N, C-alpha and C. Protein backbone atom coordinates (compact mmCIF):
# COMPACT_ATOMS: atom_id res chain seq x y z
N MET A 1 26.63 -7.71 -30.87
CA MET A 1 26.25 -5.96 -30.13
C MET A 1 27.42 -5.63 -29.05
N SER A 2 28.10 -4.75 -29.49
CA SER A 2 28.91 -3.83 -28.76
C SER A 2 28.16 -3.17 -27.47
N SER A 3 29.06 -2.54 -27.03
CA SER A 3 28.62 -1.47 -25.65
C SER A 3 29.15 -0.33 -25.91
N LEU A 4 28.96 0.32 -25.22
CA LEU A 4 28.86 1.79 -25.36
C LEU A 4 30.50 2.31 -24.74
N PRO A 5 30.97 2.95 -25.32
CA PRO A 5 32.24 3.37 -24.73
C PRO A 5 32.59 4.13 -23.64
N GLU A 6 33.68 3.59 -23.26
CA GLU A 6 33.86 3.64 -21.13
C GLU A 6 33.50 5.34 -21.25
N ASP A 7 33.49 6.13 -22.37
CA ASP A 7 33.77 7.20 -22.02
C ASP A 7 32.31 8.05 -21.84
N VAL A 8 31.19 7.21 -21.79
CA VAL A 8 29.99 7.57 -22.08
C VAL A 8 29.63 7.08 -20.80
N LEU A 9 28.65 7.82 -19.78
CA LEU A 9 28.26 7.76 -18.69
C LEU A 9 26.71 7.87 -18.39
N ASP A 10 25.87 6.93 -17.45
CA ASP A 10 25.11 7.18 -17.66
C ASP A 10 24.35 8.11 -16.07
N GLU A 11 23.28 8.73 -16.23
CA GLU A 11 23.19 9.44 -14.47
C GLU A 11 23.61 9.26 -13.39
N LYS A 12 23.53 8.15 -13.19
CA LYS A 12 23.90 7.79 -12.03
C LYS A 12 25.62 8.14 -11.88
N GLU A 13 25.98 7.49 -12.74
CA GLU A 13 27.77 7.72 -12.93
C GLU A 13 27.99 8.88 -12.83
N THR A 14 27.10 9.79 -14.05
CA THR A 14 27.46 11.46 -14.03
C THR A 14 27.47 11.72 -12.34
N ALA A 15 26.44 11.49 -11.86
CA ALA A 15 26.31 12.40 -10.48
C ALA A 15 27.13 12.13 -9.67
N ALA A 16 27.61 11.03 -9.93
CA ALA A 16 28.37 10.34 -8.36
C ALA A 16 29.58 11.23 -9.24
N LEU A 17 30.31 11.57 -9.89
CA LEU A 17 31.07 11.58 -10.57
C LEU A 17 31.59 13.06 -10.57
N LEU A 18 30.44 13.84 -10.38
CA LEU A 18 30.47 15.23 -10.06
C LEU A 18 29.76 15.68 -8.35
N ARG A 19 29.82 14.57 -7.62
CA ARG A 19 29.11 14.27 -6.73
C ARG A 19 28.34 15.26 -6.40
N ILE A 20 27.01 15.20 -7.31
CA ILE A 20 25.56 15.96 -6.90
C ILE A 20 24.64 14.87 -6.72
N SER A 21 23.55 15.03 -6.60
CA SER A 21 21.92 14.29 -6.65
C SER A 21 21.89 14.32 -8.15
N VAL A 22 21.00 12.70 -8.53
CA VAL A 22 20.68 12.96 -9.86
C VAL A 22 19.65 13.63 -9.74
N LYS A 23 18.56 13.88 -8.64
CA LYS A 23 18.00 15.22 -8.96
C LYS A 23 18.14 16.29 -9.77
N ALA A 24 19.41 16.53 -8.86
CA ALA A 24 20.09 18.28 -9.63
C ALA A 24 20.30 18.00 -10.95
N LEU A 25 21.36 17.09 -11.19
CA LEU A 25 21.63 16.70 -12.57
C LEU A 25 20.47 17.02 -13.62
N GLN A 26 19.35 16.45 -12.67
CA GLN A 26 17.94 16.19 -14.20
C GLN A 26 17.71 17.71 -14.30
N ALA A 27 17.60 18.75 -12.90
CA ALA A 27 17.28 19.76 -13.06
C ALA A 27 18.33 20.52 -13.46
N TRP A 28 19.57 20.71 -13.54
CA TRP A 28 20.09 21.14 -14.50
C TRP A 28 20.26 21.26 -16.07
N ARG A 29 19.75 19.57 -16.34
CA ARG A 29 18.91 19.73 -18.06
C ARG A 29 18.24 20.18 -18.30
N CYS A 30 17.17 20.12 -17.27
CA CYS A 30 15.86 20.58 -17.71
C CYS A 30 15.89 22.21 -17.97
N ARG A 31 16.85 22.92 -16.79
CA ARG A 31 16.81 24.40 -17.35
C ARG A 31 18.20 24.80 -18.37
N GLY A 32 18.83 23.94 -18.64
CA GLY A 32 19.74 23.88 -19.65
C GLY A 32 20.82 24.64 -19.39
N SER A 33 21.20 24.56 -17.85
CA SER A 33 22.11 25.29 -16.91
C SER A 33 23.50 23.76 -17.08
N GLY A 34 23.17 22.52 -17.14
CA GLY A 34 24.31 22.01 -16.61
C GLY A 34 25.25 21.31 -17.73
N PRO A 35 25.78 20.00 -17.99
CA PRO A 35 26.45 19.70 -18.94
C PRO A 35 25.99 19.33 -20.27
N LYS A 36 26.71 19.45 -21.37
CA LYS A 36 25.99 18.92 -22.51
C LYS A 36 26.01 16.98 -22.61
N PHE A 37 24.66 16.58 -23.25
CA PHE A 37 23.77 15.26 -22.88
C PHE A 37 23.42 14.78 -24.41
N LEU A 38 23.55 13.30 -24.06
CA LEU A 38 23.20 12.85 -25.15
C LEU A 38 21.85 11.88 -24.99
N LYS A 39 21.19 12.53 -26.24
CA LYS A 39 19.70 11.58 -25.75
C LYS A 39 19.51 10.40 -26.86
N PHE A 40 18.88 9.00 -26.24
CA PHE A 40 19.03 8.05 -26.81
C PHE A 40 17.53 7.56 -26.29
N GLY A 41 16.40 8.32 -27.21
CA GLY A 41 15.12 7.67 -27.05
C GLY A 41 14.63 8.38 -25.31
N ARG A 42 15.07 7.62 -24.46
CA ARG A 42 14.84 7.97 -23.17
C ARG A 42 15.50 7.52 -22.75
N SER A 43 17.03 7.51 -22.86
CA SER A 43 18.12 7.16 -22.62
C SER A 43 18.80 8.44 -22.39
N VAL A 44 19.49 9.13 -21.38
CA VAL A 44 20.57 10.20 -20.92
C VAL A 44 22.03 9.49 -20.84
N ARG A 45 22.68 10.25 -21.18
CA ARG A 45 23.95 9.63 -21.46
C ARG A 45 24.84 11.15 -21.21
N TYR A 46 26.21 10.88 -21.21
CA TYR A 46 26.95 12.14 -20.57
C TYR A 46 28.34 11.62 -21.30
N ARG A 47 28.96 12.43 -21.69
CA ARG A 47 30.23 11.86 -22.75
C ARG A 47 31.30 12.76 -21.64
N ARG A 48 32.57 11.92 -21.06
CA ARG A 48 33.39 12.35 -20.11
C ARG A 48 34.04 14.06 -20.13
N GLY A 49 34.59 14.14 -21.76
CA GLY A 49 35.06 15.39 -22.12
C GLY A 49 33.85 16.40 -22.15
N ASP A 50 32.62 15.83 -21.98
CA ASP A 50 31.99 17.13 -22.08
C ASP A 50 31.64 17.16 -20.82
N LEU A 51 31.88 16.67 -19.87
CA LEU A 51 32.10 16.91 -18.21
C LEU A 51 33.01 17.69 -17.61
N GLN A 52 34.07 17.15 -18.36
CA GLN A 52 35.70 18.06 -17.94
C GLN A 52 35.32 19.42 -18.73
N ASP A 53 34.75 19.53 -19.96
CA ASP A 53 34.76 21.05 -20.22
C ASP A 53 33.68 21.91 -19.18
N PHE A 54 32.46 21.06 -18.86
CA PHE A 54 31.62 21.72 -17.91
C PHE A 54 32.25 22.17 -16.76
N VAL A 55 33.05 21.38 -16.06
CA VAL A 55 34.32 21.77 -14.57
C VAL A 55 35.17 22.99 -14.86
N LEU A 56 36.01 22.61 -16.04
CA LEU A 56 36.56 23.52 -16.35
C LEU A 56 35.90 25.03 -16.48
N LYS A 57 34.56 24.94 -17.01
CA LYS A 57 33.96 26.62 -17.52
C LYS A 57 33.74 27.12 -15.93
N ALA A 58 33.15 25.83 -15.34
CA ALA A 58 32.99 26.66 -13.63
C ALA A 58 33.56 27.06 -12.69
N LEU A 59 35.05 26.94 -13.18
CA LEU A 59 36.23 27.09 -12.49
C LEU A 59 36.29 28.74 -12.18
N ARG A 60 36.57 29.22 -10.82
CA ARG A 60 36.44 30.68 -10.74
C ARG A 60 37.49 30.69 -9.51
N SER A 61 38.17 32.26 -9.59
CA SER A 61 39.36 32.65 -8.70
C SER A 61 38.85 33.56 -7.87
N SER A 62 37.70 33.87 -7.66
CA SER A 62 36.98 34.61 -6.66
C SER A 62 35.50 34.85 -6.73
N THR A 63 34.37 35.12 -5.77
CA THR A 63 33.40 35.00 -6.03
C THR A 63 32.43 35.85 -6.56
N SER A 64 33.32 36.79 -7.32
CA SER A 64 33.34 38.12 -8.03
C SER A 64 33.39 38.02 -9.67
N ASP A 65 34.45 36.62 -9.90
CA ASP A 65 34.69 36.27 -11.00
C ASP A 65 33.69 35.87 -11.88
N PRO A 66 33.15 36.66 -12.69
CA PRO A 66 32.20 36.73 -13.56
C PRO A 66 32.30 35.27 -14.49
N GLY A 67 33.08 34.61 -14.78
CA GLY A 67 33.33 33.56 -15.22
C GLY A 67 33.92 33.93 -17.18
N PRO A 68 34.17 32.53 -17.95
CA PRO A 68 34.26 33.18 -19.71
C PRO A 68 32.89 33.93 -19.92
N GLY A 69 33.40 34.89 -20.60
CA GLY A 69 32.38 35.79 -21.24
C GLY A 69 32.08 36.70 -20.43
N GLY A 70 32.53 36.76 -19.20
CA GLY A 70 31.45 37.61 -18.20
C GLY A 70 32.24 39.12 -18.00
């Protein structure tokens, strides 16, 4: 049986990468405001590419910048 690809992270790895708590990541997921995720039964995983997209969409040039589509 092969393991998951290296570009798939669990909650702890994702939270560490984004420098947030696992609880914050879980809250984002419940609200639908966080990065896209994969769900395998009770297991949640995040793809590095989706995390990169999420971070890039959060990029702003000022506090009044509404971001993409704003």
